[in-house]
Amino acid sequence: MKNEKFWLGMLVIVLAFGMTVIGCDDALDDTHFNEASIVIKNTSSTGYYYGTELVANYWTLDYDMYLPGGYQVSIKHLWKDGESGEITIYYTAIPYQQVYMPSGKKISNLIDGETREVTIP
């Protein structure tokens, strides 16, 4: 009987410690993220590199993927409530080239759950 009380006590301590350390973060519950799909279509015969971030260190470009001519890809864009939801898709036929500004298409006024098409070049 003593052994059972000991293990029951250990279980209670472990559960209390786990709830204290891990717990629940209520701050995350108040944040709502909006999501839109963006379909990038490459209608040319040339392949393009595309990305959504431009690294400002000597205009070094960081692209996410290569999109062959005649293909399309869908990406997800997330933004918090209160933010604009605006995104710019950068693209170039020559990746990772310095001192070269890529072309870009700005997508504004995105709505939660929307699918927007963008054609490059």
PDB file of N, CA and C in Angstrom:
ATOM      1  N   MET A   1       0.829  -1.188   0.000  1.00  0.00           N
ATOM      2  CA  MET A   1       0.000   0.000   0.000  1.00  0.00           C
ATOM      3  C   MET A   1       0.875   1.255   0.000  1.00  0.00           C
ATOM      4  N   LYS A   2       1.981   1.202   0.777  1.00  0.00           N
ATOM      5  CA  LYS A   2       2.874   2.349   0.811  1.00  0.00           C
ATOM      6  C   LYS A   2       3.483   2.600  -0.563  1.00  0.00           C
ATOM      7  N   ASN A   3       3.808   1.505  -1.256  1.00  0.00           N
ATOM      8  CA  ASN A   3       4.412   1.618  -2.565  1.00  0.00           C
ATOM      9  C   ASN A   3       3.456   2.299  -3.551  1.00  0.00           C
ATOM     10  N   GLU A   4       2.164   1.974  -3.499  1.00  0.00           N
ATOM     11  CA  GLU A   4       1.176   2.584  -4.384  1.00  0.00           C
ATOM     12  C   GLU A   4       1.027   4.074  -4.086  1.00  0.00           C
ATOM     13  N   LYS A   5       1.034   4.452  -2.818  1.00  0.00           N
ATOM     14  CA  LYS A   5       0.929   5.865  -2.458  1.00  0.00           C
ATOM     15  C   LYS A   5       2.162   6.629  -2.931  1.00  0.00           C
ATOM     16  N   PHE A   6       3.310   5.977  -2.840  1.00  0.00           N
ATOM     17  CA  PHE A   6       4.536   6.618  -3.301  1.00  0.00           C
ATOM     18  C   PHE A   6       4.456   6.918  -4.802  1.00  0.00           C
ATOM     19  N   TRP A   7       4.042   5.932  -5.599  1.00  0.00           N
ATOM     20  CA  TRP A   7       3.958   6.133  -7.051  1.00  0.00           C
ATOM     21  C   TRP A   7       2.846   7.087  -7.427  1.00  0.00           C
ATOM     22  N   LEU A   8       1.769   7.084  -6.675  1.00  0.00           N
ATOM     23  CA  LEU A   8       0.697   8.056  -6.912  1.00  0.00           C
ATOM     24  C   LEU A   8       1.198   9.470  -6.635  1.00  0.00           C
ATOM     25  N   GLY A   9       1.967   9.627  -5.567  1.00  0.00           N
ATOM     26  CA  GLY A   9       2.566  10.918  -5.251  1.00  0.00           C
ATOM     27  C   GLY A   9       3.543  11.364  -6.324  1.00  0.00           C
ATOM     28  N   MET A  10       4.350  10.425  -6.833  1.00  0.00           N
ATOM     29  CA  MET A  10       5.281  10.744  -7.909  1.00  0.00           C
ATOM     30  C   MET A  10       4.536  11.173  -9.168  1.00  0.00           C
ATOM     31  N   LEU A  11       3.451  10.493  -9.482  1.00  0.00           N
ATOM     32  CA  LEU A  11       2.649  10.833 -10.647  1.00  0.00           C
ATOM     33  C   LEU A  11       2.089  12.247 -10.526  1.00  0.00           C
ATOM     34  N   VAL A  12       1.579  12.587  -9.363  1.00  0.00           N
ATOM     35  CA  VAL A  12       1.038  13.923  -9.123  1.00  0.00           C
ATOM     36  C   VAL A  12       2.131  14.982  -9.292  1.00  0.00           C
ATOM     37  N   ILE A  13       3.309  14.724  -8.756  1.00  0.00           N
ATOM     38  CA  ILE A  13       4.428  15.677  -8.867  1.00  0.00           C
ATOM     39  C   ILE A  13       4.842  15.846 -10.328  1.00  0.00           C
ATOM     40  N   VAL A  14       4.950  14.730 -11.059  1.00  0.00           N
ATOM     41  CA  VAL A  14       5.351  14.792 -12.469  1.00  0.00           C
ATOM     42  C   VAL A  14       4.312  15.556 -13.287  1.00  0.00           C
ATOM     43  N   LEU A  15       3.047  15.291 -13.058  1.00  0.00           N
ATOM     44  CA  LEU A  15       1.989  15.989 -13.786  1.00  0.00           C
ATOM     45  C   LEU A  15       1.977  17.483 -13.451  1.00  0.00           C
ATOM     46  N   ALA A  16       2.119  17.817 -12.192  1.00  0.00           N
ATOM     47  CA  ALA A  16       2.148  19.228 -11.794  1.00  0.00           C
ATOM     48  C   ALA A  16       3.352  19.931 -12.409  1.00  0.00           C
ATOM     49  N   PHE A  17       4.518  19.286 -12.393  1.00  0.00           N
ATOM     50  CA  PHE A  17       5.720  19.871 -12.987  1.00  0.00           C
ATOM     51  C   PHE A  17       5.543  20.044 -14.495  1.00  0.00           C
ATOM     52  N   GLY A  18       5.000  19.032 -15.146  1.00  0.00           N
ATOM     53  CA  GLY A  18       4.787  19.104 -16.596  1.00  0.00           C
ATOM     54  C   GLY A  18       3.835  20.210 -16.987  1.00  0.00           C
ATOM     55  N   MET A  19       2.764  20.376 -16.224  1.00  0.00           N
ATOM     56  CA  MET A  19       1.805  21.440 -16.529  1.00  0.00           C
ATOM     57  C   MET A  19       2.421  22.812 -16.280  1.00  0.00           C
ATOM     58  N   THR A  20       3.289  22.912 -15.296  1.00  0.00           N
ATOM     59  CA  THR A  20       3.936  24.189 -14.992  1.00  0.00           C
ATOM     60  C   THR A  20       4.945  24.551 -16.070  1.00  0.00           C
ATOM     61  N   VAL A  21       5.770  23.606 -16.462  1.00  0.00           N
ATOM     62  CA  VAL A  21       6.830  23.877 -17.435  1.00  0.00           C
ATOM     63  C   VAL A  21       6.274  24.011 -18.844  1.00  0.00           C
ATOM     64  N   ILE A  22       5.479  23.069 -19.277  1.00  0.00           N
ATOM     65  CA  ILE A  22       4.965  23.064 -20.646  1.00  0.00           C
ATOM     66  C   ILE A  22       3.752  23.978 -20.749  1.00  0.00           C
ATOM     67  N   GLY A  23       2.749  23.743 -19.944  1.00  0.00           N
ATOM     68  CA  GLY A  23       1.573  24.600 -19.868  1.00  0.00           C
ATOM     69  C   GLY A  23       0.968  24.960 -21.209  1.00  0.00           C
ATOM     70  N   CYS A  24       0.119  25.969 -21.181  1.00  0.00           N
ATOM     71  CA  CYS A  24      -0.518  26.495 -22.377  1.00  0.00           C
ATOM     72  C   CYS A  24      -0.176  27.965 -22.496  1.00  0.00           C
ATOM     73  N   ASP A  25       0.100  28.408 -23.707  1.00  0.00           N
ATOM     74  CA  ASP A  25       0.408  29.812 -23.941  1.00  0.00           C
ATOM     75  C   ASP A  25      -0.835  30.493 -24.497  1.00  0.00           C
ATOM     76  N   ASP A  26      -1.528  31.247 -23.661  1.00  0.00           N
ATOM     77  CA  ASP A  26      -2.760  31.905 -24.078  1.00  0.00           C
ATOM     78  C   ASP A  26      -2.501  33.037 -25.068  1.00  0.00           C
ATOM     79  N   ALA A  27      -1.278  33.560 -25.115  1.00  0.00           N
ATOM     80  CA  ALA A  27      -0.978  34.663 -26.025  1.00  0.00           C
ATOM     81  C   ALA A  27      -1.140  34.225 -27.484  1.00  0.00           C
ATOM     82  N   LEU A  28      -0.839  32.975 -27.787  1.00  0.00           N
ATOM     83  CA  LEU A  28      -0.972  32.494 -29.152  1.00  0.00           C
ATOM     84  C   LEU A  28      -2.420  32.321 -29.562  1.00  0.00           C
ATOM     85  N   ASP A  29      -3.302  32.106 -28.614  1.00  0.00           N
ATOM     86  CA  ASP A  29      -4.702  31.888 -28.929  1.00  0.00           C
ATOM     87  C   ASP A  29      -5.360  33.130 -29.510  1.00  0.00           C
ATOM     88  N   ASP A  30      -4.846  34.323 -29.203  1.00  0.00           N
ATOM     89  CA  ASP A  30      -5.450  35.562 -29.669  1.00  0.00           C
ATOM     90  C   ASP A  30      -4.977  35.960 -31.060  1.00  0.00           C
ATOM     91  N   THR A  31      -3.961  35.305 -31.586  1.00  0.00           N
ATOM     92  CA  THR A  31      -3.409  35.665 -32.883  1.00  0.00           C
ATOM     93  C   THR A  31      -4.100  34.857 -33.970  1.00  0.00           C
ATOM     94  N   HIS A  32      -4.665  35.567 -34.930  1.00  0.00           N
ATOM     95  CA  HIS A  32      -5.302  34.898 -36.071  1.00  0.00           C
ATOM     96  C   HIS A  32      -4.473  35.152 -37.314  1.00  0.00           C
ATOM     97  N   PHE A  33      -4.171  34.100 -38.045  1.00  0.00           N
ATOM     98  CA  PHE A  33      -3.421  34.230 -39.279  1.00  0.00           C
ATOM     99  C   PHE A  33      -4.365  34.094 -40.465  1.00  0.00           C
ATOM    100  N   ASN A  34      -4.183  34.957 -41.448  1.00  0.00           N
ATOM    101  CA  ASN A  34      -4.916  34.868 -42.706  1.00  0.00           C
ATOM    102  C   ASN A  34      -4.050  34.096 -43.693  1.00  0.00           C
ATOM    103  N   GLU A  35      -4.669  33.428 -44.635  1.00  0.00           N
ATOM    104  CA  GLU A  35      -3.930  32.632 -45.610  1.00  0.00           C
ATOM    105  C   GLU A  35      -4.529  32.829 -46.989  1.00  0.00           C
ATOM    106  N   ALA A  36      -3.664  33.082 -47.958  1.00  0.00           N
ATOM    107  CA  ALA A  36      -4.091  33.190 -49.352  1.00  0.00           C
ATOM    108  C   ALA A  36      -3.177  32.324 -50.199  1.00  0.00           C
ATOM    109  N   SER A  37      -3.717  31.809 -51.284  1.00  0.00           N
ATOM    110  CA  SER A  37      -2.923  31.037 -52.244  1.00  0.00           C
ATOM    111  C   SER A  37      -2.573  31.932 -53.415  1.00  0.00           C
ATOM    112  N   ILE A  38      -1.331  31.834 -53.855  1.00  0.00           N
ATOM    113  CA  ILE A  38      -0.886  32.604 -55.006  1.00  0.00           C
ATOM    114  C   ILE A  38      -0.384  31.609 -56.039  1.00  0.00           C
ATOM    115  N   VAL A  39      -1.001  31.621 -57.209  1.00  0.00           N
ATOM    116  CA  VAL A  39      -0.610  30.735 -58.298  1.00  0.00           C
ATOM    117  C   VAL A  39       0.287  31.536 -59.231  1.00  0.00           C
ATOM    118  N   ILE A  40       1.545  31.111 -59.342  1.00  0.00           N
ATOM    119  CA  ILE A  40       2.509  31.779 -60.206  1.00  0.00           C
ATOM    120  C   ILE A  40       2.587  30.984 -61.505  1.00  0.00           C
ATOM    121  N   LYS A  41       2.256  31.646 -62.621  1.00  0.00           N
ATOM    122  CA  LYS A  41       2.266  30.989 -63.930  1.00  0.00           C
ATOM    123  C   LYS A  41       3.404  31.546 -64.770  1.00  0.00           C
ATOM    124  N   ASN A  42       4.183  30.657 -65.343  1.00  0.00           N
ATOM    125  CA  ASN A  42       5.227  31.054 -66.283  1.00  0.00           C
ATOM    126  C   ASN A  42       4.738  30.695 -67.679  1.00  0.00           C
ATOM    127  N   THR A  43       4.321  31.709 -68.432  1.00  0.00           N
ATOM    128  CA  THR A  43       3.745  31.460 -69.755  1.00  0.00           C
ATOM    129  C   THR A  43       4.788  31.483 -70.861  1.00  0.00           C
ATOM    130  N   SER A  44       6.041  31.829 -70.539  1.00  0.00           N
ATOM    131  CA  SER A  44       7.080  31.883 -71.569  1.00  0.00           C
ATOM    132  C   SER A  44       7.755  30.527 -71.714  1.00  0.00           C
ATOM    133  N   SER A  45       8.660  30.457 -72.672  1.00  0.00           N
ATOM    134  CA  SER A  45       9.425  29.211 -72.842  1.00  0.00           C
ATOM    135  C   SER A  45      10.697  29.223 -72.000  1.00  0.00           C
ATOM    136  N   THR A  46      11.018  30.393 -71.418  1.00  0.00           N
ATOM    137  CA  THR A  46      12.201  30.539 -70.577  1.00  0.00           C
ATOM    138  C   THR A  46      11.866  30.168 -69.140  1.00  0.00           C
ATOM    139  N   GLY A  47      12.784  29.481 -68.481  1.00  0.00           N
ATOM    140  CA  GLY A  47      12.594  29.194 -67.067  1.00  0.00           C
ATOM    141  C   GLY A  47      12.970  30.408 -66.222  1.00  0.00           C
ATOM    142  N   TYR A  48      12.272  30.589 -65.116  1.00  0.00           N
ATOM    143  CA  TYR A  48      12.544  31.716 -64.225  1.00  0.00           C
ATOM    144  C   TYR A  48      12.758  31.217 -62.810  1.00  0.00           C
ATOM    145  N   TYR A  49      13.633  31.915 -62.101  1.00  0.00           N
ATOM    146  CA  TYR A  49      13.806  31.702 -60.673  1.00  0.00           C
ATOM    147  C   TYR A  49      12.907  32.701 -59.976  1.00  0.00           C
ATOM    148  N   TYR A  50      12.210  32.267 -58.931  1.00  0.00           N
ATOM    149  CA  TYR A  50      11.313  33.188 -58.248  1.00  0.00           C
ATOM    150  C   TYR A  50      11.484  33.056 -56.751  1.00  0.00           C
ATOM    151  N   GLY A  51      11.129  34.096 -56.069  1.00  0.00           N
ATOM    152  CA  GLY A  51      11.189  34.101 -54.616  1.00  0.00           C
ATOM    153  C   GLY A  51      10.406  35.271 -54.069  1.00  0.00           C
ATOM    154  N   THR A  52      10.247  35.316 -52.774  1.00  0.00           N
ATOM    155  CA  THR A  52       9.488  36.392 -52.156  1.00  0.00           C
ATOM    156  C   THR A  52      10.356  37.264 -51.269  1.00  0.00           C
ATOM    157  N   GLU A  53      11.643  36.964 -51.167  1.00  0.00           N
ATOM    158  CA  GLU A  53      12.527  37.761 -50.325  1.00  0.00           C
ATOM    159  C   GLU A  53      13.702  38.258 -51.138  1.00  0.00           C
ATOM    160  N   LEU A  54      14.080  39.477 -50.873  1.00  0.00           N
ATOM    161  CA  LEU A  54      15.241  40.061 -51.516  1.00  0.00           C
ATOM    162  C   LEU A  54      16.241  40.404 -50.428  1.00  0.00           C
ATOM    163  N   VAL A  55      17.397  39.782 -50.450  1.00  0.00           N
ATOM    164  CA  VAL A  55      18.417  40.039 -49.447  1.00  0.00           C
ATOM    165  C   VAL A  55      19.186  41.278 -49.874  1.00  0.00           C
ATOM    166  N   ALA A  56      19.217  42.295 -49.026  1.00  0.00           N
ATOM    167  CA  ALA A  56      19.769  43.599 -49.403  1.00  0.00           C
ATOM    168  C   ALA A  56      21.281  43.681 -49.254  1.00  0.00           C
ATOM    169  N   ASN A  57      21.950  42.575 -49.046  1.00  0.00           N
ATOM    170  CA  ASN A  57      23.399  42.577 -48.908  1.00  0.00           C
ATOM    171  C   ASN A  57      24.023  42.507 -50.298  1.00  0.00           C
ATOM    172  N   TYR A  58      24.440  43.651 -50.839  1.00  0.00           N
ATOM    173  CA  TYR A  58      24.994  43.744 -52.191  1.00  0.00           C
ATOM    174  C   TYR A  58      23.999  43.253 -53.235  1.00  0.00           C
ATOM    175  N   TRP A  59      22.733  43.428 -52.982  1.00  0.00           N
ATOM    176  CA  TRP A  59      21.664  43.009 -53.892  1.00  0.00           C
ATOM    177  C   TRP A  59      21.713  41.517 -54.182  1.00  0.00           C
ATOM    178  N   THR A  60      22.231  40.747 -53.265  1.00  0.00           N
ATOM    179  CA  THR A  60      22.247  39.297 -53.451  1.00  0.00           C
ATOM    180  C   THR A  60      20.815  38.783 -53.415  1.00  0.00           C
ATOM    181  N   LEU A  61      20.488  37.950 -54.362  1.00  0.00           N
ATOM    182  CA  LEU A  61      19.119  37.452 -54.469  1.00  0.00           C
ATOM    183  C   LEU A  61      19.018  36.054 -53.895  1.00  0.00           C
ATOM    184  N   ASP A  62      17.942  35.802 -53.197  1.00  0.00           N
ATOM    185  CA  ASP A  62      17.724  34.482 -52.614  1.00  0.00           C
ATOM    186  C   ASP A  62      16.398  33.959 -53.148  1.00  0.00           C
ATOM    187  N   TYR A  63      16.457  32.996 -54.036  1.00  0.00           N
ATOM    188  CA  TYR A  63      15.239  32.494 -54.654  1.00  0.00           C
ATOM    189  C   TYR A  63      14.860  31.137 -54.099  1.00  0.00           C
ATOM    190  N   ASP A  64      13.577  30.917 -54.052  1.00  0.00           N
ATOM    191  CA  ASP A  64      13.051  29.695 -53.469  1.00  0.00           C
ATOM    192  C   ASP A  64      13.051  28.529 -54.455  1.00  0.00           C
ATOM    193  N   MET A  65      12.682  28.798 -55.707  1.00  0.00           N
ATOM    194  CA  MET A  65      12.524  27.687 -56.647  1.00  0.00           C
ATOM    195  C   MET A  65      12.772  28.129 -58.076  1.00  0.00           C
ATOM    196  N   TYR A  66      12.924  27.135 -58.930  1.00  0.00           N
ATOM    197  CA  TYR A  66      13.030  27.352 -60.365  1.00  0.00           C
ATOM    198  C   TYR A  66      11.715  26.910 -60.997  1.00  0.00           C
ATOM    199  N   LEU A  67      11.152  27.756 -61.853  1.00  0.00           N
ATOM    200  CA  LEU A  67       9.879  27.455 -62.504  1.00  0.00           C
ATOM    201  C   LEU A  67      10.109  27.362 -64.012  1.00  0.00           C
ATOM    202  N   PRO A  68      10.072  26.147 -64.582  1.00  0.00           N
ATOM    203  CA  PRO A  68      10.299  25.994 -66.017  1.00  0.00           C
ATOM    204  C   PRO A  68       9.215  26.703 -66.832  1.00  0.00           C
ATOM    205  N   GLY A  69       9.558  27.004 -68.084  1.00  0.00           N
ATOM    206  CA  GLY A  69       8.586  27.638 -68.969  1.00  0.00           C
ATOM    207  C   GLY A  69       7.358  26.771 -69.164  1.00  0.00           C
ATOM    208  N   GLY A  70       6.182  27.403 -69.164  1.00  0.00           N
ATOM    209  CA  GLY A  70       4.934  26.688 -69.374  1.00  0.00           C
ATOM    210  C   GLY A  70       4.365  26.021 -68.130  1.00  0.00           C
ATOM    211  N   TYR A  71       5.015  26.187 -66.983  1.00  0.00           N
ATOM    212  CA  TYR A  71       4.544  25.557 -65.747  1.00  0.00           C
ATOM    213  C   TYR A  71       3.967  26.593 -64.789  1.00  0.00           C
ATOM    214  N   GLN A  72       3.304  26.109 -63.768  1.00  0.00           N
ATOM    215  CA  GLN A  72       2.800  26.984 -62.721  1.00  0.00           C
ATOM    216  C   GLN A  72       3.013  26.318 -61.366  1.00  0.00           C
ATOM    217  N   VAL A  73       3.010  27.137 -60.326  1.00  0.00           N
ATOM    218  CA  VAL A  73       3.186  26.642 -58.971  1.00  0.00           C
ATOM    219  C   VAL A  73       2.290  27.449 -58.054  1.00  0.00           C
ATOM    220  N   SER A  74       1.846  26.847 -56.977  1.00  0.00           N
ATOM    221  CA  SER A  74       1.001  27.539 -56.001  1.00  0.00           C
ATOM    222  C   SER A  74       1.780  27.660 -54.691  1.00  0.00           C
ATOM    223  N   ILE A  75       1.802  28.873 -54.133  1.00  0.00           N
ATOM    224  CA  ILE A  75       2.449  29.089 -52.841  1.00  0.00           C
ATOM    225  C   ILE A  75       1.419  29.651 -51.868  1.00  0.00           C
ATOM    226  N   LYS A  76       1.660  29.456 -50.595  1.00  0.00           N
ATOM    227  CA  LYS A  76       0.788  29.981 -49.544  1.00  0.00           C
ATOM    228  C   LYS A  76       1.437  31.215 -48.939  1.00  0.00           C
ATOM    229  N   HIS A  77       0.626  32.222 -48.667  1.00  0.00           N
ATOM    230  CA  HIS A  77       1.108  33.433 -48.015  1.00  0.00           C
ATOM    231  C   HIS A  77       0.296  33.634 -46.742  1.00  0.00           C
ATOM    232  N   LEU A  78       0.982  33.745 -45.606  1.00  0.00           N
ATOM    233  CA  LEU A  78       0.329  33.944 -44.313  1.00  0.00           C
ATOM    234  C   LEU A  78       0.632  35.341 -43.796  1.00  0.00           C
ATOM    235  N   TRP A  79      -0.356  35.965 -43.165  1.00  0.00           N
ATOM    236  CA  TRP A  79      -0.134  37.241 -42.496  1.00  0.00           C
ATOM    237  C   TRP A  79      -1.101  37.357 -41.328  1.00  0.00           C
ATOM    238  N   LYS A  80      -0.684  38.129 -40.329  1.00  0.00           N
ATOM    239  CA  LYS A  80      -1.484  38.297 -39.118  1.00  0.00           C
ATOM    240  C   LYS A  80      -2.590  39.312 -39.346  1.00  0.00           C
ATOM    241  N   ASP A  81      -3.643  39.209 -38.547  1.00  0.00           N
ATOM    242  CA  ASP A  81      -4.682  40.235 -38.554  1.00  0.00           C
ATOM    243  C   ASP A  81      -4.042  41.582 -38.274  1.00  0.00           C
ATOM    244  N   GLY A  82      -4.477  42.587 -38.972  1.00  0.00           N
ATOM    245  CA  GLY A  82      -3.934  43.922 -38.766  1.00  0.00           C
ATOM    246  C   GLY A  82      -2.787  44.242 -39.707  1.00  0.00           C
ATOM    247  N   GLU A  83      -2.217  43.238 -40.372  1.00  0.00           N
ATOM    248  CA  GLU A  83      -1.172  43.467 -41.357  1.00  0.00           C
ATOM    249  C   GLU A  83      -1.805  43.538 -42.741  1.00  0.00           C
ATOM    250  N   SER A  84      -1.057  44.048 -43.703  1.00  0.00           N
ATOM    251  CA  SER A  84      -1.626  44.308 -45.025  1.00  0.00           C
ATOM    252  C   SER A  84      -1.842  43.055 -45.860  1.00  0.00           C
ATOM    253  N   GLY A  85      -1.046  42.017 -45.653  1.00  0.00           N
ATOM    254  CA  GLY A  85      -1.157  40.829 -46.491  1.00  0.00           C
ATOM    255  C   GLY A  85      -0.514  41.020 -47.848  1.00  0.00           C
ATOM    256  N   GLU A  86       0.216  42.121 -48.013  1.00  0.00           N
ATOM    257  CA  GLU A  86       0.864  42.417 -49.288  1.00  0.00           C
ATOM    258  C   GLU A  86       2.122  41.570 -49.453  1.00  0.00           C
ATOM    259  N   ILE A  87       2.395  41.152 -50.678  1.00  0.00           N
ATOM    260  CA  ILE A  87       3.575  40.354 -50.973  1.00  0.00           C
ATOM    261  C   ILE A  87       4.077  40.739 -52.359  1.00  0.00           C
ATOM    262  N   THR A  88       5.390  40.661 -52.557  1.00  0.00           N
ATOM    263  CA  THR A  88       5.974  40.894 -53.880  1.00  0.00           C
ATOM    264  C   THR A  88       6.679  39.627 -54.323  1.00  0.00           C
ATOM    265  N   ILE A  89       6.365  39.179 -55.532  1.00  0.00           N
ATOM    266  CA  ILE A  89       7.018  38.021 -56.125  1.00  0.00           C
ATOM    267  C   ILE A  89       8.144  38.550 -57.014  1.00  0.00           C
ATOM    268  N   TYR A  90       9.388  38.203 -56.678  1.00  0.00           N
ATOM    269  CA  TYR A  90      10.537  38.595 -57.482  1.00  0.00           C
ATOM    270  C   TYR A  90      10.891  37.450 -58.415  1.00  0.00           C
ATOM    271  N   TYR A  91      11.335  37.782 -59.632  1.00  0.00           N
ATOM    272  CA  TYR A  91      11.720  36.724 -60.552  1.00  0.00           C
ATOM    273  C   TYR A  91      12.824  37.213 -61.487  1.00  0.00           C
ATOM    274  N   THR A  92      13.645  36.289 -61.917  1.00  0.00           N
ATOM    275  CA  THR A  92      14.732  36.574 -62.849  1.00  0.00           C
ATOM    276  C   THR A  92      15.121  35.299 -63.572  1.00  0.00           C
ATOM    277  N   ALA A  93      15.663  35.455 -64.768  1.00  0.00           N
ATOM    278  CA  ALA A  93      16.147  34.294 -65.517  1.00  0.00           C
ATOM    279  C   ALA A  93      17.556  33.919 -65.088  1.00  0.00           C
ATOM    280  N   ILE A  94      18.237  34.834 -64.375  1.00  0.00           N
ATOM    281  CA  ILE A  94      19.614  34.592 -63.937  1.00  0.00           C
ATOM    282  C   ILE A  94      19.647  34.674 -62.416  1.00  0.00           C
ATOM    283  N   PRO A  95      19.780  33.557 -61.702  1.00  0.00           N
ATOM    284  CA  PRO A  95      19.736  33.589 -60.242  1.00  0.00           C
ATOM    285  C   PRO A  95      21.053  34.014 -59.610  1.00  0.00           C
ATOM    286  N   TYR A  96      20.991  34.485 -58.390  1.00  0.00           N
ATOM    287  CA  TYR A  96      22.147  34.765 -57.547  1.00  0.00           C
ATOM    288  C   TYR A  96      23.153  35.712 -58.202  1.00  0.00           C
ATOM    289  N   GLN A  97      22.678  36.641 -58.985  1.00  0.00           N
ATOM    290  CA  GLN A  97      23.577  37.590 -59.622  1.00  0.00           C
ATOM    291  C   GLN A  97      23.580  38.881 -58.823  1.00  0.00           C
ATOM    292  N   GLN A  98      24.766  39.399 -58.540  1.00  0.00           N
ATOM    293  CA  GLN A  98      24.861  40.622 -57.752  1.00  0.00           C
ATOM    294  C   GLN A  98      24.707  41.852 -58.647  1.00  0.00           C
ATOM    295  N   VAL A  99      24.369  42.961 -58.018  1.00  0.00           N
ATOM    296  CA  VAL A  99      24.174  44.248 -58.665  1.00  0.00           C
ATOM    297  C   VAL A  99      23.187  44.104 -59.815  1.00  0.00           C
ATOM    298  N   TYR A 100      22.116  43.421 -59.565  1.00  0.00           N
ATOM    299  CA  TYR A 100      21.068  43.240 -60.565  1.00  0.00           C
ATOM    300  C   TYR A 100      19.737  43.229 -59.834  1.00  0.00           C
ATOM    301  N   MET A 101      18.858  44.147 -60.176  1.00  0.00           N
ATOM    302  CA  MET A 101      17.545  44.192 -59.551  1.00  0.00           C
ATOM    303  C   MET A 101      16.606  43.307 -60.350  1.00  0.00           C
ATOM    304  N   PRO A 102      15.981  42.329 -59.736  1.00  0.00           N
ATOM    305  CA  PRO A 102      15.052  41.470 -60.475  1.00  0.00           C
ATOM    306  C   PRO A 102      13.746  42.204 -60.741  1.00  0.00           C
ATOM    307  N   SER A 103      12.968  41.631 -61.618  1.00  0.00           N
ATOM    308  CA  SER A 103      11.621  42.144 -61.826  1.00  0.00           C
ATOM    309  C   SER A 103      10.768  41.691 -60.662  1.00  0.00           C
ATOM    310  N   GLY A 104       9.725  42.433 -60.389  1.00  0.00           N
ATOM    311  CA  GLY A 104       8.848  42.063 -59.284  1.00  0.00           C
ATOM    312  C   GLY A 104       7.410  42.422 -59.566  1.00  0.00           C
ATOM    313  N   LYS A 105       6.511  41.633 -59.058  1.00  0.00           N
ATOM    314  CA  LYS A 105       5.087  41.908 -59.165  1.00  0.00           C
ATOM    315  C   LYS A 105       4.514  41.974 -57.765  1.00  0.00           C
ATOM    316  N   LYS A 106       3.992  43.147 -57.404  1.00  0.00           N
ATOM    317  CA  LYS A 106       3.422  43.344 -56.081  1.00  0.00           C
ATOM    318  C   LYS A 106       1.963  42.900 -56.095  1.00  0.00           C
ATOM    319  N   ILE A 107       1.603  42.162 -55.074  1.00  0.00           N
ATOM    320  CA  ILE A 107       0.235  41.679 -54.936  1.00  0.00           C
ATOM    321  C   ILE A 107      -0.339  42.324 -53.681  1.00  0.00           C
ATOM    322  N   SER A 108      -1.357  43.141 -53.856  1.00  0.00           N
ATOM    323  CA  SER A 108      -1.941  43.886 -52.737  1.00  0.00           C
ATOM    324  C   SER A 108      -3.382  43.450 -52.488  1.00  0.00           C
ATOM    325  N   ASN A 109      -3.898  43.876 -51.355  1.00  0.00           N
ATOM    326  CA  ASN A 109      -5.299  43.664 -50.973  1.00  0.00           C
ATOM    327  C   ASN A 109      -5.710  42.193 -51.000  1.00  0.00           C
ATOM    328  N   LEU A 110      -4.826  41.335 -50.504  1.00  0.00           N
ATOM    329  CA  LEU A 110      -5.175  39.917 -50.416  1.00  0.00           C
ATOM    330  C   LEU A 110      -6.249  39.728 -49.346  1.00  0.00           C
ATOM    331  N   ILE A 111      -7.121  38.786 -49.593  1.00  0.00           N
ATOM    332  CA  ILE A 111      -8.217  38.470 -48.677  1.00  0.00           C
ATOM    333  C   ILE A 111      -8.014  37.047 -48.169  1.00  0.00           C
ATOM    334  N   ASP A 112      -8.345  36.825 -46.901  1.00  0.00           N
ATOM    335  CA  ASP A 112      -8.219  35.500 -46.305  1.00  0.00           C
ATOM    336  C   ASP A 112      -8.997  34.471 -47.123  1.00  0.00           C
ATOM    337  N   GLY A 113      -8.334  33.384 -47.503  1.00  0.00           N
ATOM    338  CA  GLY A 113      -8.972  32.310 -48.267  1.00  0.00           C
ATOM    339  C   GLY A 113      -8.962  32.516 -49.773  1.00  0.00           C
ATOM    340  N   GLU A 114      -8.404  33.624 -50.235  1.00  0.00           N
ATOM    341  CA  GLU A 114      -8.405  33.946 -51.655  1.00  0.00           C
ATOM    342  C   GLU A 114      -7.311  33.172 -52.409  1.00  0.00           C
ATOM    343  N   THR A 115      -7.549  32.961 -53.711  1.00  0.00           N
ATOM    344  CA  THR A 115      -6.521  32.450 -54.618  1.00  0.00           C
ATOM    345  C   THR A 115      -6.297  33.517 -55.674  1.00  0.00           C
ATOM    346  N   ARG A 116      -5.043  33.966 -55.813  1.00  0.00           N
ATOM    347  CA  ARG A 116      -4.711  35.026 -56.776  1.00  0.00           C
ATOM    348  C   ARG A 116      -3.702  34.475 -57.764  1.00  0.00           C
ATOM    349  N   GLU A 117      -3.886  34.781 -59.052  1.00  0.00           N
ATOM    350  CA  GLU A 117      -2.966  34.332 -60.097  1.00  0.00           C
ATOM    351  C   GLU A 117      -2.019  35.460 -60.481  1.00  0.00           C
ATOM    352  N   VAL A 118      -0.749  35.106 -60.688  1.00  0.00           N
ATOM    353  CA  VAL A 118       0.275  36.041 -61.116  1.00  0.00           C
ATOM    354  C   VAL A 118       0.991  35.395 -62.295  1.00  0.00           C
ATOM    355  N   THR A 119       1.141  36.153 -63.375  1.00  0.00           N
ATOM    356  CA  THR A 119       1.846  35.634 -64.532  1.00  0.00           C
ATOM    357  C   THR A 119       3.212  36.268 -64.629  1.00  0.00           C
ATOM    358  N   ILE A 120       4.251  35.448 -64.782  1.00  0.00           N
ATOM    359  CA  ILE A 120       5.592  35.944 -65.031  1.00  0.00           C
ATOM    360  C   ILE A 120       6.045  35.394 -66.362  1.00  0.00           C
ATOM    361  N   PRO A 121       6.865  36.060 -67.092  1.00  0.00           N
ATOM    362  CA  PRO A 121       7.484  37.349 -66.821  1.00  0.00           C
ATOM    363  C   PRO A 121       6.520  38.494 -67.051  1.00  0.00           C
TER     364      PRO A 121
END
